[in-house]
């Protein structure tokens, strides 16, 4: 019995750490997540290629926005799904673009306001030239209150980094 208890402790710790195991990207890395996360695959970061992001549940928004002409369908993933996979502890996302533009987005925007990280526009992967490879988009046509400078400012494109931050009161 004395050997059995340490064995259970070791197995339990392996199972809990395995639940936060993250595979390695096979393609070009397009997103790096840092901060208050448990799962990593490169030092203190979680790095993703396109294929790894496509495994996440897909969400869609059809909307107009100030940066493109006409109505478009955007598909991508929710920050909630991504961060759940990473064992997130944060409530605020510091999102940075390829050109170093940065904005802060409350995690609640992806639940309450329906925002997504879009990777596809009208069924096609978003290129850097077309505001990709990742863009935060809100369902602007569904709610007039989202048509404001606050949410336009959070609609960052060419996203390549997310830092999860724990806010303390």
N, C-alpha and C. Protein backbone atom coordinates (compact mmCIF):
# COMPACT_ATOMS: atom_id res chain seq x y z
N UNK A 1 0.81 -1.19 0.00
CA UNK A 1 0.00 0.00 0.00
C UNK A 1 0.86 1.26 0.00
N UNK A 2 2.04 1.20 0.65
CA UNK A 2 2.90 2.38 0.70
C UNK A 2 3.40 2.75 -0.69
N UNK A 3 3.66 1.79 -1.53
CA UNK A 3 4.11 2.06 -2.90
C UNK A 3 2.96 2.53 -3.77
N UNK A 4 1.77 2.11 -3.45
CA UNK A 4 0.61 2.44 -4.26
C UNK A 4 0.29 3.94 -4.23
N UNK A 5 0.35 4.59 -3.07
CA UNK A 5 0.02 6.01 -2.94
C UNK A 5 0.99 6.88 -3.76
N UNK A 6 2.32 6.70 -3.65
CA UNK A 6 3.21 7.51 -4.49
C UNK A 6 2.97 7.25 -5.99
N UNK A 7 2.64 6.02 -6.33
CA UNK A 7 2.36 5.69 -7.73
C UNK A 7 1.16 6.49 -8.23
N UNK A 8 0.10 6.58 -7.42
CA UNK A 8 -1.09 7.34 -7.81
C UNK A 8 -0.75 8.83 -7.95
N UNK A 9 0.05 9.36 -7.07
CA UNK A 9 0.45 10.77 -7.14
C UNK A 9 1.22 11.03 -8.44
N UNK A 10 2.14 10.16 -8.80
CA UNK A 10 2.92 10.32 -10.04
C UNK A 10 2.01 10.23 -11.26
N UNK A 11 1.13 9.24 -11.29
CA UNK A 11 0.22 9.08 -12.43
C UNK A 11 -0.71 10.28 -12.53
N UNK A 12 -1.24 10.76 -11.42
CA UNK A 12 -2.12 11.93 -11.43
C UNK A 12 -1.40 13.16 -11.95
N UNK A 13 -0.16 13.36 -11.57
CA UNK A 13 0.58 14.53 -12.05
C UNK A 13 0.88 14.41 -13.54
N UNK A 14 1.13 13.19 -14.02
CA UNK A 14 1.35 13.00 -15.45
C UNK A 14 0.08 13.26 -16.24
N UNK A 15 -1.04 12.81 -15.73
CA UNK A 15 -2.32 13.03 -16.41
C UNK A 15 -2.64 14.52 -16.45
N UNK A 16 -2.45 15.22 -15.34
CA UNK A 16 -2.77 16.65 -15.32
C UNK A 16 -1.84 17.43 -16.23
N UNK A 17 -0.56 17.08 -16.31
CA UNK A 17 0.32 17.80 -17.22
C UNK A 17 0.07 17.40 -18.66
N UNK A 18 -0.36 16.16 -18.89
CA UNK A 18 -0.66 15.73 -20.25
C UNK A 18 -1.89 16.45 -20.79
N UNK A 19 -2.82 16.82 -19.90
CA UNK A 19 -4.01 17.51 -20.37
C UNK A 19 -3.68 18.88 -20.94
N UNK A 20 -2.52 19.41 -20.63
CA UNK A 20 -2.10 20.69 -21.16
C UNK A 20 -0.99 20.53 -22.20
N UNK A 21 -0.82 19.32 -22.73
CA UNK A 21 0.18 19.10 -23.77
C UNK A 21 -0.29 19.75 -25.06
N UNK A 22 0.62 20.39 -25.75
CA UNK A 22 0.29 21.07 -26.99
C UNK A 22 1.25 20.58 -28.07
N UNK A 23 0.68 20.17 -29.20
CA UNK A 23 1.51 19.65 -30.29
C UNK A 23 2.39 20.76 -30.88
N UNK A 24 3.37 20.35 -31.65
CA UNK A 24 4.27 21.29 -32.32
C UNK A 24 3.70 21.66 -33.69
N UNK A 25 3.86 22.91 -34.11
CA UNK A 25 3.40 23.27 -35.45
C UNK A 25 4.26 22.58 -36.51
N UNK A 26 3.62 22.20 -37.61
CA UNK A 26 4.35 21.58 -38.73
C UNK A 26 4.57 22.59 -39.85
N UNK A 27 3.74 23.61 -39.89
CA UNK A 27 3.86 24.65 -40.91
C UNK A 27 4.39 25.94 -40.31
N UNK A 28 4.27 27.02 -41.08
CA UNK A 28 4.75 28.35 -40.66
C UNK A 28 3.91 28.83 -39.48
N UNK A 29 4.56 29.29 -38.44
CA UNK A 29 3.88 29.82 -37.25
C UNK A 29 3.22 31.14 -37.61
N UNK A 30 1.90 31.24 -37.33
CA UNK A 30 1.18 32.48 -37.61
C UNK A 30 0.64 33.14 -36.34
N UNK A 31 0.69 32.43 -35.20
CA UNK A 31 0.18 33.00 -33.96
C UNK A 31 1.00 32.50 -32.78
N UNK A 32 1.35 33.44 -31.91
CA UNK A 32 2.06 33.12 -30.67
C UNK A 32 1.22 33.64 -29.51
N UNK A 33 0.97 32.77 -28.53
CA UNK A 33 0.19 33.14 -27.35
C UNK A 33 1.10 33.00 -26.13
N UNK A 34 1.10 34.03 -25.28
CA UNK A 34 1.91 34.04 -24.06
C UNK A 34 1.06 34.51 -22.89
N UNK A 35 1.66 34.57 -21.74
CA UNK A 35 0.99 35.12 -20.57
C UNK A 35 0.44 34.07 -19.65
N UNK A 36 -0.78 34.28 -19.18
CA UNK A 36 -1.40 33.45 -18.14
C UNK A 36 -2.01 32.18 -18.73
N UNK A 37 -1.14 31.34 -19.31
CA UNK A 37 -1.57 30.07 -19.89
C UNK A 37 -0.74 28.94 -19.29
N UNK A 38 -1.31 27.74 -19.31
CA UNK A 38 -0.60 26.57 -18.77
C UNK A 38 0.07 25.74 -19.85
N UNK A 39 -0.50 25.69 -21.04
CA UNK A 39 0.04 24.84 -22.11
C UNK A 39 0.96 25.64 -23.01
N UNK A 40 2.14 25.11 -23.24
CA UNK A 40 3.10 25.75 -24.13
C UNK A 40 3.75 24.69 -25.00
N UNK A 41 4.35 25.13 -26.08
CA UNK A 41 5.11 24.21 -26.93
C UNK A 41 6.42 24.82 -27.40
N UNK A 42 6.74 26.03 -26.94
CA UNK A 42 8.00 26.68 -27.26
C UNK A 42 8.34 27.63 -26.12
N UNK A 43 9.24 27.20 -25.25
CA UNK A 43 9.61 27.97 -24.07
C UNK A 43 8.36 28.35 -23.27
N UNK A 44 8.09 29.63 -23.09
CA UNK A 44 6.92 30.08 -22.32
C UNK A 44 5.75 30.47 -23.23
N UNK A 45 5.75 29.99 -24.47
CA UNK A 45 4.76 30.38 -25.46
C UNK A 45 4.03 29.17 -26.02
N UNK A 46 2.86 29.45 -26.58
CA UNK A 46 2.12 28.47 -27.37
C UNK A 46 2.11 29.02 -28.80
N UNK A 47 2.72 28.28 -29.72
CA UNK A 47 2.80 28.73 -31.11
C UNK A 47 1.92 27.85 -31.98
N UNK A 48 1.27 28.48 -32.98
CA UNK A 48 0.30 27.79 -33.82
C UNK A 48 0.56 28.05 -35.29
N UNK A 49 0.38 27.01 -36.09
CA UNK A 49 0.33 27.18 -37.53
C UNK A 49 -1.15 27.16 -37.93
N UNK A 50 -1.43 27.38 -39.21
CA UNK A 50 -2.82 27.43 -39.68
C UNK A 50 -3.58 26.14 -39.38
N UNK A 51 -2.94 25.00 -39.60
CA UNK A 51 -3.61 23.72 -39.38
C UNK A 51 -4.02 23.53 -37.92
N UNK A 52 -3.21 23.97 -36.99
CA UNK A 52 -3.54 23.84 -35.57
C UNK A 52 -4.74 24.69 -35.20
N UNK A 53 -4.85 25.86 -35.80
CA UNK A 53 -5.98 26.74 -35.51
C UNK A 53 -7.27 26.23 -36.14
N UNK A 54 -7.16 25.55 -37.27
CA UNK A 54 -8.34 25.03 -37.95
C UNK A 54 -8.99 23.87 -37.21
N UNK A 55 -8.29 23.27 -36.25
CA UNK A 55 -8.85 22.19 -35.44
C UNK A 55 -9.84 22.73 -34.39
N UNK A 56 -9.68 24.00 -34.04
CA UNK A 56 -10.59 24.62 -33.06
C UNK A 56 -12.00 24.72 -33.65
N UNK A 57 -13.03 24.75 -32.79
CA UNK A 57 -14.39 24.94 -33.31
C UNK A 57 -14.48 26.21 -34.15
N UNK A 58 -15.20 26.11 -35.27
CA UNK A 58 -15.32 27.23 -36.20
C UNK A 58 -16.57 28.06 -35.89
N UNK A 59 -16.38 29.36 -35.90
CA UNK A 59 -17.47 30.32 -35.71
C UNK A 59 -17.52 31.23 -36.93
N UNK A 60 -18.71 31.70 -37.28
CA UNK A 60 -18.88 32.55 -38.46
C UNK A 60 -19.61 33.83 -38.11
N UNK A 61 -19.24 34.90 -38.81
CA UNK A 61 -19.92 36.19 -38.71
C UNK A 61 -20.06 36.71 -40.13
N UNK A 62 -21.26 37.12 -40.48
CA UNK A 62 -21.48 37.80 -41.76
C UNK A 62 -21.81 39.24 -41.43
N UNK A 63 -20.97 40.16 -41.91
CA UNK A 63 -21.11 41.56 -41.54
C UNK A 63 -20.38 42.47 -42.51
N UNK A 64 -20.72 43.72 -42.44
CA UNK A 64 -19.96 44.78 -43.11
C UNK A 64 -19.03 45.37 -42.06
N UNK A 65 -17.96 46.02 -42.52
CA UNK A 65 -17.07 46.71 -41.60
C UNK A 65 -16.46 47.90 -42.32
N UNK A 66 -15.83 48.81 -41.60
CA UNK A 66 -15.29 50.02 -42.22
C UNK A 66 -14.07 49.80 -43.12
N UNK A 67 -13.47 48.60 -43.11
CA UNK A 67 -12.20 48.39 -43.80
C UNK A 67 -12.31 47.66 -45.13
N UNK A 68 -13.47 47.07 -45.37
CA UNK A 68 -13.68 46.37 -46.64
C UNK A 68 -15.01 46.81 -47.22
N UNK A 69 -15.16 46.68 -48.53
CA UNK A 69 -16.42 47.04 -49.18
C UNK A 69 -17.37 45.85 -49.18
N UNK A 70 -18.63 46.12 -48.88
CA UNK A 70 -19.66 45.10 -48.99
C UNK A 70 -19.78 44.19 -47.79
N UNK A 71 -20.68 43.22 -47.95
CA UNK A 71 -20.97 42.23 -46.93
C UNK A 71 -20.03 41.04 -47.11
N UNK A 72 -19.42 40.59 -46.02
CA UNK A 72 -18.49 39.45 -46.08
C UNK A 72 -18.79 38.46 -44.97
N UNK A 73 -18.50 37.20 -45.25
CA UNK A 73 -18.61 36.16 -44.23
C UNK A 73 -17.20 35.86 -43.71
N UNK A 74 -17.04 35.98 -42.40
CA UNK A 74 -15.77 35.70 -41.74
C UNK A 74 -15.90 34.41 -40.95
N UNK A 75 -14.90 33.56 -41.04
CA UNK A 75 -14.86 32.32 -40.26
C UNK A 75 -13.56 32.28 -39.49
N UNK A 76 -13.64 31.72 -38.30
CA UNK A 76 -12.44 31.59 -37.48
C UNK A 76 -12.76 30.94 -36.15
N UNK A 77 -12.01 31.31 -35.15
CA UNK A 77 -12.14 30.68 -33.84
C UNK A 77 -12.42 31.72 -32.78
N UNK A 78 -12.99 31.27 -31.69
CA UNK A 78 -13.22 32.13 -30.54
C UNK A 78 -12.00 32.10 -29.63
N UNK A 79 -11.70 33.24 -29.04
CA UNK A 79 -10.61 33.29 -28.07
C UNK A 79 -10.88 32.35 -26.91
N UNK A 80 -12.14 32.17 -26.58
CA UNK A 80 -12.51 31.29 -25.46
C UNK A 80 -12.07 29.86 -25.76
N UNK A 81 -12.33 29.36 -26.97
CA UNK A 81 -11.93 28.00 -27.33
C UNK A 81 -10.41 27.85 -27.33
N UNK A 82 -9.72 28.83 -27.90
CA UNK A 82 -8.26 28.79 -27.94
C UNK A 82 -7.68 28.79 -26.53
N UNK A 83 -8.15 29.69 -25.70
CA UNK A 83 -7.57 29.83 -24.36
C UNK A 83 -7.97 28.71 -23.43
N UNK A 84 -9.13 28.11 -23.64
CA UNK A 84 -9.50 26.93 -22.87
C UNK A 84 -8.51 25.81 -23.15
N UNK A 85 -8.15 25.65 -24.41
CA UNK A 85 -7.16 24.64 -24.81
C UNK A 85 -5.81 24.88 -24.12
N UNK A 86 -5.52 26.14 -23.84
CA UNK A 86 -4.23 26.50 -23.25
C UNK A 86 -4.26 26.59 -21.73
N UNK A 87 -5.39 26.30 -21.11
CA UNK A 87 -5.47 26.40 -19.65
C UNK A 87 -5.33 27.84 -19.19
N UNK A 88 -6.04 28.73 -19.83
CA UNK A 88 -5.96 30.17 -19.57
C UNK A 88 -6.43 30.55 -18.17
N UNK A 89 -5.76 31.57 -17.61
CA UNK A 89 -6.18 32.16 -16.33
C UNK A 89 -6.51 33.64 -16.48
N UNK A 90 -6.26 34.20 -17.66
CA UNK A 90 -6.43 35.64 -17.87
C UNK A 90 -7.83 36.05 -18.24
N UNK A 91 -8.10 37.37 -18.14
CA UNK A 91 -9.39 37.93 -18.51
C UNK A 91 -9.25 39.08 -19.50
N UNK A 92 -8.03 39.46 -19.81
CA UNK A 92 -7.76 40.54 -20.75
C UNK A 92 -6.73 40.05 -21.75
N UNK A 93 -6.96 40.37 -23.04
CA UNK A 93 -6.02 39.97 -24.08
C UNK A 93 -5.32 41.20 -24.64
N UNK A 94 -4.01 41.15 -24.64
CA UNK A 94 -3.21 42.17 -25.30
C UNK A 94 -2.88 41.59 -26.67
N UNK A 95 -3.49 42.14 -27.72
CA UNK A 95 -3.38 41.58 -29.06
C UNK A 95 -2.50 42.50 -29.90
N UNK A 96 -1.49 41.92 -30.56
CA UNK A 96 -0.52 42.70 -31.32
C UNK A 96 -0.49 42.24 -32.77
N UNK A 97 -0.36 43.21 -33.67
CA UNK A 97 -0.32 42.94 -35.11
C UNK A 97 1.12 42.88 -35.61
N UNK A 98 1.25 42.43 -36.84
CA UNK A 98 2.57 42.35 -37.48
C UNK A 98 3.29 43.70 -37.49
N UNK A 99 2.54 44.81 -37.61
CA UNK A 99 3.16 46.14 -37.65
C UNK A 99 3.34 46.74 -36.25
N UNK A 100 3.17 45.93 -35.21
CA UNK A 100 3.33 46.29 -33.81
C UNK A 100 2.16 47.09 -33.23
N UNK A 101 1.09 47.34 -34.01
CA UNK A 101 -0.11 47.95 -33.44
C UNK A 101 -0.62 47.00 -32.36
N UNK A 102 -1.07 47.55 -31.23
CA UNK A 102 -1.53 46.72 -30.12
C UNK A 102 -2.84 47.29 -29.59
N UNK A 103 -3.73 46.38 -29.20
CA UNK A 103 -4.96 46.78 -28.53
C UNK A 103 -5.25 45.78 -27.43
N UNK A 104 -6.05 46.20 -26.47
CA UNK A 104 -6.46 45.31 -25.38
C UNK A 104 -7.93 44.99 -25.56
N UNK A 105 -8.26 43.70 -25.43
CA UNK A 105 -9.63 43.23 -25.62
C UNK A 105 -10.02 42.38 -24.41
N UNK A 106 -11.10 42.74 -23.73
CA UNK A 106 -11.57 41.87 -22.64
C UNK A 106 -11.99 40.51 -23.22
N UNK A 107 -11.65 39.45 -22.55
CA UNK A 107 -12.04 38.12 -23.00
C UNK A 107 -13.56 38.02 -23.15
N UNK A 108 -14.26 38.78 -22.36
CA UNK A 108 -15.73 38.76 -22.41
C UNK A 108 -16.28 39.20 -23.77
N UNK A 109 -15.52 39.96 -24.55
CA UNK A 109 -15.98 40.38 -25.88
C UNK A 109 -16.25 39.17 -26.79
N UNK A 110 -15.60 38.07 -26.54
CA UNK A 110 -15.77 36.88 -27.38
C UNK A 110 -16.99 36.07 -26.94
N UNK A 111 -17.53 36.38 -25.77
CA UNK A 111 -18.73 35.71 -25.27
C UNK A 111 -19.92 36.65 -25.41
N UNK A 112 -19.83 37.80 -24.80
CA UNK A 112 -20.94 38.74 -24.74
C UNK A 112 -21.19 39.42 -26.09
N UNK A 113 -20.12 39.81 -26.79
CA UNK A 113 -20.26 40.58 -28.02
C UNK A 113 -20.06 39.77 -29.29
N UNK A 114 -19.76 38.49 -29.17
CA UNK A 114 -19.69 37.61 -30.34
C UNK A 114 -18.49 37.80 -31.24
N UNK A 115 -17.42 38.41 -30.75
CA UNK A 115 -16.22 38.60 -31.57
C UNK A 115 -15.55 37.25 -31.87
N UNK A 116 -14.84 37.18 -32.98
CA UNK A 116 -14.03 36.01 -33.31
C UNK A 116 -12.68 36.45 -33.84
N UNK A 117 -11.74 35.53 -33.83
CA UNK A 117 -10.48 35.70 -34.55
C UNK A 117 -10.70 35.07 -35.92
N UNK A 118 -10.93 35.88 -36.93
CA UNK A 118 -11.21 35.38 -38.28
C UNK A 118 -9.91 34.99 -38.98
N UNK A 119 -9.96 33.83 -39.62
CA UNK A 119 -8.82 33.36 -40.43
C UNK A 119 -9.22 33.22 -41.90
N UNK A 120 -10.54 33.30 -42.17
CA UNK A 120 -11.06 33.16 -43.53
C UNK A 120 -12.08 34.25 -43.80
N UNK A 121 -12.05 34.78 -45.01
CA UNK A 121 -13.06 35.73 -45.47
C UNK A 121 -13.69 35.16 -46.73
N UNK A 122 -14.98 35.02 -46.72
CA UNK A 122 -15.72 34.46 -47.86
C UNK A 122 -15.16 33.11 -48.29
N UNK A 123 -14.79 32.29 -47.29
CA UNK A 123 -14.34 30.93 -47.55
C UNK A 123 -12.88 30.79 -47.94
N UNK A 124 -12.14 31.89 -48.02
CA UNK A 124 -10.73 31.84 -48.42
C UNK A 124 -9.84 32.28 -47.26
N UNK A 125 -8.69 31.62 -47.08
CA UNK A 125 -7.76 32.07 -46.03
C UNK A 125 -7.39 33.54 -46.24
N UNK A 126 -7.29 34.27 -45.16
CA UNK A 126 -6.96 35.69 -45.24
C UNK A 126 -5.45 35.87 -45.33
N UNK A 127 -5.00 36.51 -46.37
CA UNK A 127 -3.57 36.80 -46.55
C UNK A 127 -3.23 38.08 -45.80
N UNK A 128 -1.95 38.33 -45.60
CA UNK A 128 -1.50 39.56 -44.95
C UNK A 128 -2.01 40.76 -45.75
N UNK A 129 -1.99 40.66 -47.05
CA UNK A 129 -2.46 41.75 -47.91
C UNK A 129 -3.96 42.02 -47.72
N UNK A 130 -4.71 40.99 -47.33
CA UNK A 130 -6.16 41.09 -47.13
C UNK A 130 -6.54 41.09 -45.65
N UNK A 131 -5.72 41.73 -44.81
CA UNK A 131 -5.96 41.93 -43.38
C UNK A 131 -5.71 40.69 -42.52
N UNK A 132 -5.14 39.64 -43.09
CA UNK A 132 -4.87 38.41 -42.37
C UNK A 132 -3.44 38.34 -41.89
N UNK A 133 -3.01 37.22 -41.42
CA UNK A 133 -3.70 35.94 -41.48
C UNK A 133 -4.81 35.78 -40.44
N UNK A 134 -4.86 36.70 -39.45
CA UNK A 134 -5.88 36.63 -38.41
C UNK A 134 -6.36 38.05 -38.13
N UNK A 135 -7.68 38.18 -37.99
CA UNK A 135 -8.29 39.49 -37.74
C UNK A 135 -9.39 39.33 -36.68
N UNK A 136 -9.46 40.24 -35.75
CA UNK A 136 -10.57 40.26 -34.80
C UNK A 136 -11.73 40.97 -35.48
N UNK A 137 -12.88 40.31 -35.50
CA UNK A 137 -14.06 40.89 -36.14
C UNK A 137 -15.27 40.72 -35.21
N UNK A 138 -16.10 41.73 -35.19
CA UNK A 138 -17.33 41.72 -34.40
C UNK A 138 -18.53 41.65 -35.35
N UNK A 139 -19.69 41.18 -34.88
CA UNK A 139 -20.88 41.16 -35.73
C UNK A 139 -21.53 42.55 -35.79
N UNK A 140 -20.87 43.48 -36.47
CA UNK A 140 -21.31 44.87 -36.50
C UNK A 140 -22.74 45.04 -37.00
N UNK A 141 -23.15 44.25 -37.98
CA UNK A 141 -24.50 44.39 -38.55
C UNK A 141 -25.59 43.87 -37.62
N UNK A 142 -25.23 43.08 -36.63
CA UNK A 142 -26.24 42.52 -35.73
C UNK A 142 -26.58 43.44 -34.56
N UNK A 143 -25.63 44.31 -34.20
CA UNK A 143 -25.85 45.18 -33.04
C UNK A 143 -25.26 46.56 -33.31
N UNK A 144 -26.11 47.57 -33.29
CA UNK A 144 -25.65 48.94 -33.55
C UNK A 144 -24.65 49.43 -32.51
N UNK A 145 -24.75 48.94 -31.26
CA UNK A 145 -23.83 49.40 -30.22
C UNK A 145 -22.38 48.99 -30.50
N UNK A 146 -22.17 48.01 -31.38
CA UNK A 146 -20.81 47.60 -31.73
C UNK A 146 -20.17 48.54 -32.76
N UNK A 147 -20.98 49.38 -33.40
CA UNK A 147 -20.48 50.34 -34.39
C UNK A 147 -19.98 51.59 -33.66
N UNK A 148 -18.88 51.41 -32.94
CA UNK A 148 -18.30 52.52 -32.17
C UNK A 148 -16.79 52.45 -32.23
N UNK A 149 -16.16 53.54 -31.88
CA UNK A 149 -14.70 53.60 -31.90
C UNK A 149 -14.07 52.57 -30.97
N UNK A 150 -14.75 52.25 -29.86
CA UNK A 150 -14.23 51.25 -28.93
C UNK A 150 -14.04 49.91 -29.65
N UNK A 151 -15.09 49.43 -30.32
CA UNK A 151 -15.03 48.11 -30.96
C UNK A 151 -14.27 48.15 -32.28
N UNK A 152 -14.34 49.27 -32.98
CA UNK A 152 -13.51 49.40 -34.19
C UNK A 152 -12.03 49.35 -33.81
N UNK A 153 -11.69 49.97 -32.69
CA UNK A 153 -10.29 49.96 -32.23
C UNK A 153 -9.81 48.58 -31.80
N UNK A 154 -10.73 47.75 -31.34
CA UNK A 154 -10.38 46.38 -30.94
C UNK A 154 -10.33 45.42 -32.13
N UNK A 155 -10.85 45.86 -33.27
CA UNK A 155 -10.89 45.01 -34.47
C UNK A 155 -9.54 45.06 -35.19
N UNK A 156 -8.58 44.50 -34.57
CA UNK A 156 -7.20 44.51 -35.06
C UNK A 156 -7.03 43.46 -36.15
N UNK A 157 -6.25 43.79 -37.17
CA UNK A 157 -5.96 42.82 -38.23
C UNK A 157 -4.48 42.53 -38.27
N UNK A 158 -4.11 41.55 -39.06
CA UNK A 158 -2.73 41.05 -39.15
C UNK A 158 -2.19 40.63 -37.78
N UNK A 159 -3.07 40.01 -36.99
CA UNK A 159 -2.72 39.57 -35.64
C UNK A 159 -1.65 38.49 -35.72
N UNK A 160 -0.62 38.63 -34.88
CA UNK A 160 0.38 37.57 -34.79
C UNK A 160 0.74 37.20 -33.35
N UNK A 161 0.25 38.01 -32.36
CA UNK A 161 0.55 37.69 -30.96
C UNK A 161 -0.62 38.03 -30.05
N UNK A 162 -0.81 37.17 -29.07
CA UNK A 162 -1.81 37.40 -28.03
C UNK A 162 -1.13 37.15 -26.69
N UNK A 163 -1.28 38.09 -25.77
CA UNK A 163 -0.82 37.88 -24.40
C UNK A 163 -2.03 37.88 -23.50
N UNK A 164 -2.21 36.80 -22.73
CA UNK A 164 -3.30 36.68 -21.78
C UNK A 164 -2.84 37.29 -20.45
N UNK A 165 -3.64 38.22 -19.95
CA UNK A 165 -3.28 38.96 -18.75
C UNK A 165 -4.33 38.73 -17.66
N UNK A 166 -3.86 38.52 -16.45
CA UNK A 166 -4.75 38.40 -15.29
C UNK A 166 -4.86 39.79 -14.67
N UNK A 167 -6.06 40.30 -14.62
CA UNK A 167 -6.28 41.60 -13.98
C UNK A 167 -6.48 41.39 -12.49
N UNK A 168 -5.80 42.20 -11.70
CA UNK A 168 -5.97 42.13 -10.26
C UNK A 168 -6.63 43.42 -9.79
N UNK A 169 -7.51 43.29 -8.84
CA UNK A 169 -8.28 44.45 -8.35
C UNK A 169 -7.51 45.16 -7.28
